Amino acid sequence: MKKEIIGQLKEISSEEQEILNSGKPVLSFYSAVLPDGENGQPALVQATSAISILKHARFVEFPSHTHNCLEMIYIVSGSSRHTINGNIRLTLETGDLLFLQQGTSHSTAAAGYDDIAVHFLVMPEFLRFPYDMLIEDTVLRRFLNATIQGVPGDEAYLHFHLKDMLEAQNLLENMICILLGQKRNSQRILRLTMAALLLELTNRTYNITRGTPSAYEQSLVLDALSYIENHYRTASLEDFCRQVGQPSYYISRLMKKYSPYTFNRYVQKRRMVQAIYLLTETSMPIEDIIVQVGYENSSHFHRLFKKEFGQSPKAYRTSYLEKL
């Protein structure tokens, strides 16, 4: 994040000053607060536009509340402490992005001066647009589908770690710039940028922490997916298990339980993603690409590629170039 943007966000806003001076409950400053018939917690109504952006007000605690829209919280600097559904405690660090399912109970500890967070409130109707472009069955796609349908999903939240995802950070920065200075066609820009962000995130599922695994299991799954990302050419389940000192049946069970694909399927998909990049962004010969992404058997690669994309690598490259 650019220093000038962080500097603007760190300035004490008139809203923060008013909250500090008023002595009123902090939630009274946000939308209409409606009583929740089941547990007495306030329910903040969703934004009137497809996507709304606001800076998190610092210095005051946000008591438990719910939203009937998707809420995304991005930590620009510092950290932020959250409690979800009364018993799940998370500390978000700089570069973290939290997705909260609508209806999820959520409270936030008072933030300090350097703790800058930005909230995105997204109406479920908008999500149909990017959802239709997410073809693969990923954790994020299922999460969005539950939001669109308005039914409780398997996960109350998704926690993305964006430290090494510069593309996602840049897209979030572009949306935050709209918060700092209203521009013409801002809603149109927001919609397109948000759709691009969701597409980017769904391709990087190894950076997601889901709302169900134990801390240790969660760490092992993330380590496995990070290992695949960094060593996809030579990655193997046996090698990873040797590194973490766990049997292969245990890691296989965790992958099946907490992710949409098996270990070997993730390796294959990561290799195919790299093959697509080399096919479309370079002029490297196809036989060299096959070796580059980790396959020794050319015919095996061609079979896998055609099964994945419905055409040969040569046809895929030709079709892509014709669209330019």
Protein backbone atom coordinates (compact mmCIF):
# COMPACT_ATOMS: atom_id res chain seq x y z
CA MET A 1 0.00 0.00 0.00
CA LYS A 2 1.36 3.43 -0.95
CA LYS A 3 2.54 5.53 1.99
CA GLU A 4 0.43 8.52 0.96
CA ILE A 5 -2.73 6.39 1.01
CA ILE A 6 -1.90 5.01 4.46
CA GLY A 7 -1.17 8.56 5.59
CA GLN A 8 -4.61 9.73 4.47
CA LEU A 9 -6.31 6.82 6.19
CA LYS A 10 -4.45 7.49 9.45
CA GLU A 11 -5.82 11.01 9.71
CA ILE A 12 -8.51 11.19 12.41
CA SER A 13 -11.75 11.55 10.49
CA SER A 14 -14.65 13.76 11.46
CA GLU A 15 -16.66 10.56 12.03
CA GLU A 16 -14.07 9.21 14.49
CA GLN A 17 -13.97 12.52 16.31
CA GLU A 18 -17.75 12.66 16.55
CA ILE A 19 -17.91 9.12 17.95
CA LEU A 20 -15.28 9.97 20.56
CA ASN A 21 -17.07 13.19 21.56
CA SER A 22 -20.65 11.93 21.60
CA GLY A 23 -20.61 9.13 24.13
CA LYS A 24 -23.31 7.36 22.08
CA PRO A 25 -23.13 3.64 21.23
CA VAL A 26 -20.84 3.29 18.25
CA LEU A 27 -23.30 1.21 16.23
CA SER A 28 -25.81 4.07 16.24
CA PHE A 29 -23.61 5.83 13.70
CA TYR A 30 -23.93 3.10 11.08
CA SER A 31 -27.03 2.60 8.94
CA ALA A 32 -30.25 1.68 10.67
CA VAL A 33 -29.83 -0.59 13.67
CA LEU A 34 -32.58 -3.17 13.91
CA PRO A 35 -33.27 -5.54 16.84
CA ASP A 36 -32.46 -9.17 16.25
CA GLY A 37 -35.42 -11.23 17.42
CA GLU A 38 -33.36 -14.28 18.38
CA ASN A 39 -30.50 -13.03 20.48
CA GLY A 40 -31.01 -9.32 20.95
CA GLN A 41 -27.90 -8.41 18.95
CA PRO A 42 -28.12 -5.42 16.61
CA ALA A 43 -28.35 -6.23 12.92
CA LEU A 44 -26.86 -3.61 10.65
CA VAL A 45 -28.83 -3.38 7.41
CA GLN A 46 -26.98 -3.84 4.16
CA ALA A 47 -25.81 -0.92 2.08
CA THR A 48 -28.16 0.62 -0.46
CA SER A 49 -25.58 0.40 -3.28
CA ALA A 50 -24.04 -2.80 -4.63
CA ILE A 51 -20.74 -2.18 -2.83
CA SER A 52 -20.09 0.25 0.00
CA ILE A 53 -16.66 1.10 1.45
CA LEU A 54 -15.92 2.67 4.82
CA LYS A 55 -12.89 3.08 7.03
CA HIS A 56 -13.17 1.30 10.35
CA ALA A 57 -13.59 3.83 13.15
CA ARG A 58 -10.70 3.48 15.60
CA PHE A 59 -10.43 4.03 19.36
CA VAL A 60 -13.79 2.41 20.22
CA GLU A 61 -14.94 -1.18 20.56
CA PHE A 62 -17.58 -2.47 18.15
CA PRO A 63 -19.92 -4.75 20.12
CA SER A 64 -21.35 -7.91 18.61
CA HIS A 65 -23.58 -7.30 15.58
CA THR A 66 -24.55 -8.88 12.27
CA HIS A 67 -24.87 -7.78 8.66
CA ASN A 68 -27.36 -9.12 6.14
CA CYS A 69 -24.80 -8.70 3.38
CA LEU A 70 -21.28 -9.99 2.75
CA GLU A 71 -18.70 -8.07 4.79
CA MET A 72 -15.02 -7.94 3.84
CA ILE A 73 -12.44 -6.43 6.19
CA TYR A 74 -8.99 -5.56 4.85
CA ILE A 75 -6.15 -4.63 7.22
CA VAL A 76 -4.16 -1.80 5.65
CA SER A 77 -1.71 -1.41 8.56
CA GLY A 78 -1.27 -2.61 12.12
CA SER A 79 -3.59 -5.32 13.39
CA SER A 80 -7.20 -5.90 14.40
CA ARG A 81 -8.75 -8.28 16.98
CA HIS A 82 -12.09 -9.90 16.17
CA THR A 83 -14.52 -12.30 17.83
CA ILE A 84 -16.79 -14.33 15.54
CA ASN A 85 -19.97 -16.06 16.71
CA GLY A 86 -18.99 -15.38 20.30
CA ASN A 87 -16.18 -17.95 20.55
CA ILE A 88 -13.79 -17.71 17.58
CA ARG A 89 -11.03 -15.18 18.19
CA LEU A 90 -8.89 -13.92 15.32
CA THR A 91 -6.10 -11.39 15.12
CA LEU A 92 -5.75 -9.98 11.62
CA GLU A 93 -2.39 -8.56 10.58
CA THR A 94 -1.38 -6.14 7.83
CA GLY A 95 -2.40 -7.55 4.45
CA ASP A 96 -5.05 -9.92 5.82
CA LEU A 97 -8.55 -9.99 4.33
CA LEU A 98 -11.52 -11.39 6.25
CA PHE A 99 -14.77 -12.50 4.58
CA LEU A 100 -17.80 -12.72 6.90
CA GLN A 101 -20.95 -14.58 5.87
CA GLN A 102 -24.15 -12.57 6.24
CA GLY A 103 -25.81 -13.16 9.59
CA THR A 104 -22.49 -13.97 11.27
CA SER A 105 -22.16 -12.45 14.73
CA HIS A 106 -19.06 -10.29 14.91
CA SER A 107 -17.35 -7.88 17.32
CA THR A 108 -14.13 -5.89 17.06
CA ALA A 109 -11.77 -4.64 19.77
CA ALA A 110 -10.85 -0.98 19.87
CA ALA A 111 -8.19 -0.15 17.29
CA GLY A 112 -5.16 2.03 17.90
CA TYR A 113 -3.97 4.97 15.82
CA ASP A 114 -1.83 2.82 13.49
CA ASP A 115 -4.44 0.07 13.14
CA ILE A 116 -6.15 0.85 9.84
CA ALA A 117 -8.91 -1.37 8.47
CA VAL A 118 -11.28 -0.84 5.56
CA HIS A 119 -14.70 -2.52 5.33
CA PHE A 120 -16.46 -3.54 2.12
CA LEU A 121 -20.19 -4.28 2.34
CA VAL A 122 -21.34 -6.25 -0.70
CA MET A 123 -24.98 -6.91 -1.51
CA PRO A 124 -25.69 -10.58 -2.33
CA GLU A 125 -27.34 -9.65 -5.64
CA PHE A 126 -24.06 -8.23 -6.94
CA LEU A 127 -22.20 -11.48 -6.31
CA ARG A 128 -24.08 -13.29 -9.08
CA PHE A 129 -21.93 -11.45 -11.63
CA PRO A 130 -18.50 -12.70 -10.44
CA TYR A 131 -19.93 -16.01 -9.21
CA ASP A 132 -20.91 -17.01 -12.76
CA MET A 133 -17.28 -16.56 -13.82
CA LEU A 134 -15.93 -18.85 -11.08
CA ILE A 135 -16.08 -22.23 -12.79
CA GLU A 136 -13.99 -24.34 -10.41
CA ASP A 137 -15.48 -25.79 -7.23
CA THR A 138 -13.41 -23.87 -4.67
CA VAL A 139 -14.00 -22.92 -1.04
CA LEU A 140 -14.57 -19.31 -2.09
CA ARG A 141 -17.14 -20.25 -4.74
CA ARG A 142 -19.14 -22.26 -2.22
CA PHE A 143 -18.92 -19.42 0.28
CA LEU A 144 -20.25 -16.92 -2.29
CA ASN A 145 -23.03 -19.28 -3.32
CA ALA A 146 -24.24 -19.53 0.28
CA THR A 147 -24.26 -15.71 0.44
CA ILE A 148 -26.24 -15.39 -2.78
CA GLN A 149 -28.76 -18.02 -1.66
CA GLY A 150 -29.12 -16.38 1.74
CA VAL A 151 -28.58 -19.66 3.58
CA PRO A 152 -25.95 -20.54 6.22
CA GLY A 153 -22.87 -22.03 4.58
CA ASP A 154 -20.32 -24.48 5.96
CA GLU A 155 -18.03 -21.61 6.90
CA ALA A 156 -18.84 -18.50 8.93
CA TYR A 157 -15.73 -16.79 7.60
CA LEU A 158 -12.76 -17.05 5.25
CA HIS A 159 -9.42 -15.53 6.23
CA PHE A 160 -7.12 -14.67 3.31
CA HIS A 161 -3.40 -14.06 3.77
CA LEU A 162 -2.46 -11.58 1.03
CA LYS A 163 1.11 -10.79 2.06
CA ASP A 164 2.55 -12.33 -1.13
CA MET A 165 -0.43 -11.61 -3.40
CA LEU A 166 0.50 -8.28 -4.98
CA GLU A 167 -2.27 -8.48 -7.60
CA ALA A 168 -4.96 -8.77 -4.92
CA GLN A 169 -3.37 -5.99 -2.87
CA ASN A 170 -3.33 -3.68 -5.89
CA LEU A 171 -7.02 -4.31 -6.60
CA LEU A 172 -7.92 -3.52 -2.99
CA GLU A 173 -5.79 -0.38 -3.13
CA ASN A 174 -7.66 0.77 -6.24
CA MET A 175 -10.98 0.37 -4.44
CA ILE A 176 -9.70 2.20 -1.35
CA CYS A 177 -8.71 5.13 -3.58
CA ILE A 178 -12.40 5.48 -4.43
CA LEU A 179 -13.16 5.76 -0.71
CA LEU A 180 -10.61 8.56 -0.34
CA GLY A 181 -11.87 10.57 -3.30
CA GLN A 182 -15.20 9.97 -4.97
CA LYS A 183 -14.77 9.56 -8.72
CA ARG A 184 -17.20 9.49 -11.58
CA ASN A 185 -18.59 6.05 -12.32
CA SER A 186 -17.27 4.87 -8.95
CA GLN A 187 -19.88 2.11 -8.58
CA ARG A 188 -19.05 0.73 -12.03
CA ILE A 189 -15.34 0.76 -11.21
CA LEU A 190 -16.02 -0.88 -7.86
CA ARG A 191 -18.06 -3.67 -9.40
CA LEU A 192 -15.47 -4.52 -12.04
CA THR A 193 -12.57 -4.31 -9.58
CA MET A 194 -14.38 -6.44 -6.99
CA ALA A 195 -15.13 -9.08 -9.63
CA ALA A 196 -11.45 -9.11 -10.63
CA LEU A 197 -10.46 -9.48 -6.97
CA LEU A 198 -12.73 -12.48 -6.45
CA LEU A 199 -11.33 -14.13 -9.57
CA GLU A 200 -7.80 -13.54 -8.32
CA LEU A 201 -8.58 -14.96 -4.88
CA THR A 202 -10.25 -18.10 -6.18
CA ASN A 203 -7.03 -18.97 -8.03
CA ARG A 204 -5.00 -18.84 -4.81
CA THR A 205 -6.89 -21.13 -2.45
CA TYR A 206 -3.73 -22.04 -0.56
CA ASN A 207 -3.87 -18.58 1.04
CA ILE A 208 -7.26 -19.19 2.67
CA THR A 209 -7.90 -20.14 6.27
CA ARG A 210 -11.38 -21.58 6.63
CA GLY A 211 -13.61 -21.14 9.66
CA THR A 212 -13.52 -24.76 10.81
CA PRO A 213 -10.07 -26.43 11.06
CA SER A 214 -8.15 -26.68 14.32
CA ALA A 215 -5.11 -24.43 14.45
CA TYR A 216 -2.70 -27.31 13.86
CA GLU A 217 -4.65 -28.88 11.03
CA GLN A 218 -5.16 -25.46 9.48
CA SER A 219 -1.41 -24.84 9.59
CA LEU A 220 -0.62 -28.19 7.94
CA VAL A 221 -3.10 -27.64 5.09
CA LEU A 222 -1.75 -24.13 4.44
CA ASP A 223 1.81 -25.47 4.52
CA ALA A 224 0.87 -28.18 2.01
CA LEU A 225 -0.70 -25.71 -0.40
CA SER A 226 2.17 -23.27 -0.05
CA TYR A 227 4.62 -26.13 -0.70
CA ILE A 228 2.73 -26.99 -3.91
CA GLU A 229 2.76 -23.37 -5.04
CA ASN A 230 6.52 -23.06 -4.56
CA HIS A 231 7.60 -26.55 -5.71
CA TYR A 232 4.93 -27.59 -8.22
CA ARG A 233 7.50 -28.88 -10.74
CA THR A 234 8.79 -31.56 -8.38
CA ALA A 235 6.14 -31.60 -5.64
CA SER A 236 5.04 -34.96 -4.26
CA LEU A 237 2.95 -36.01 -1.29
CA GLU A 238 5.76 -38.24 -0.03
CA ASP A 239 8.30 -35.39 -0.07
CA PHE A 240 5.98 -33.01 1.77
CA CYS A 241 5.12 -35.62 4.40
CA ARG A 242 8.82 -36.25 4.95
CA GLN A 243 9.37 -32.50 5.49
CA VAL A 244 6.58 -32.12 8.07
CA GLY A 245 7.10 -35.52 9.71
CA GLN A 246 3.55 -36.77 9.15
CA PRO A 247 2.27 -39.93 7.41
CA SER A 248 0.77 -39.55 3.95
CA TYR A 249 -2.62 -40.96 4.98
CA TYR A 250 -2.98 -38.20 7.59
CA ILE A 251 -2.15 -35.38 5.16
CA SER A 252 -4.43 -36.91 2.54
CA ARG A 253 -7.29 -36.99 5.06
CA LEU A 254 -6.75 -33.35 5.99
CA MET A 255 -6.69 -32.26 2.36
CA LYS A 256 -9.91 -34.15 1.67
CA LYS A 257 -11.56 -32.69 4.77
CA TYR A 258 -10.57 -29.04 4.39
CA SER A 259 -10.00 -28.39 0.68
CA PRO A 260 -11.87 -29.11 -2.55
CA TYR A 261 -9.02 -31.14 -4.11
CA THR A 262 -6.61 -33.89 -3.17
CA PHE A 263 -2.89 -33.16 -2.82
CA ASN A 264 -2.06 -34.62 -6.23
CA ARG A 265 -4.96 -32.80 -7.87
CA TYR A 266 -3.63 -29.49 -6.51
CA VAL A 267 -0.21 -30.29 -7.98
CA GLN A 268 -1.79 -31.03 -11.35
CA LYS A 269 -3.91 -27.87 -11.32
CA ARG A 270 -0.94 -25.69 -10.33
CA ARG A 271 1.10 -27.14 -13.20
CA MET A 272 -1.75 -26.47 -15.62
CA VAL A 273 -2.05 -22.87 -14.43
CA GLN A 274 1.64 -22.36 -15.19
CA ALA A 275 1.27 -24.10 -18.56
CA ILE A 276 -1.56 -21.72 -19.50
CA TYR A 277 0.60 -18.76 -18.52
CA LEU A 278 3.51 -19.94 -20.66
CA LEU A 279 1.22 -20.76 -23.60
CA THR A 280 -0.45 -17.35 -23.61
CA GLU A 281 2.30 -15.01 -22.41
CA THR A 282 5.40 -16.49 -24.05
CA SER A 283 6.41 -18.05 -27.37
CA MET A 284 8.10 -21.00 -25.67
CA PRO A 285 7.70 -24.25 -27.67
CA ILE A 286 5.06 -26.55 -26.26
CA GLU A 287 7.49 -29.41 -25.68
CA ASP A 288 9.67 -27.07 -23.60
CA ILE A 289 6.62 -25.93 -21.62
CA ILE A 290 5.81 -29.53 -20.77
CA VAL A 291 9.24 -30.00 -19.22
CA GLN A 292 9.14 -26.56 -17.59
CA VAL A 293 5.95 -27.31 -15.63
CA GLY A 294 7.19 -30.68 -14.39
CA TYR A 295 6.07 -33.40 -16.84
CA GLU A 296 8.45 -35.89 -18.43
CA ASN A 297 5.86 -37.73 -20.52
CA SER A 298 4.56 -35.53 -23.34
CA SER A 299 1.57 -37.72 -24.22
CA HIS A 300 0.51 -37.83 -20.55
CA PHE A 301 0.56 -34.02 -20.40
CA HIS A 302 -1.48 -33.72 -23.60
CA ARG A 303 -4.13 -36.09 -22.21
CA LEU A 304 -4.37 -34.17 -18.95
CA PHE A 305 -4.48 -30.80 -20.71
CA LYS A 306 -7.24 -31.83 -23.09
CA LYS A 307 -9.27 -33.30 -20.24
CA GLU A 308 -8.87 -30.04 -18.28
CA PHE A 309 -9.50 -27.52 -21.07
CA GLY A 310 -11.25 -29.46 -23.83
CA GLN A 311 -8.59 -28.87 -26.47
CA SER A 312 -4.91 -29.44 -27.17
CA PRO A 313 -2.24 -26.98 -25.95
CA LYS A 314 -1.61 -25.88 -29.55
CA ALA A 315 -5.31 -25.21 -30.16
CA TYR A 316 -5.56 -23.33 -26.86
CA ARG A 317 -2.66 -21.06 -27.78
CA THR A 318 -4.05 -20.45 -31.28
CA SER A 319 -7.51 -19.65 -29.94
CA TYR A 320 -6.05 -17.22 -27.39
CA LEU A 321 -3.93 -15.38 -29.95
CA GLU A 322 -6.90 -15.04 -32.33
CA LYS A 323 -8.86 -13.19 -29.62
CA LEU A 324 -6.15 -10.55 -29.15
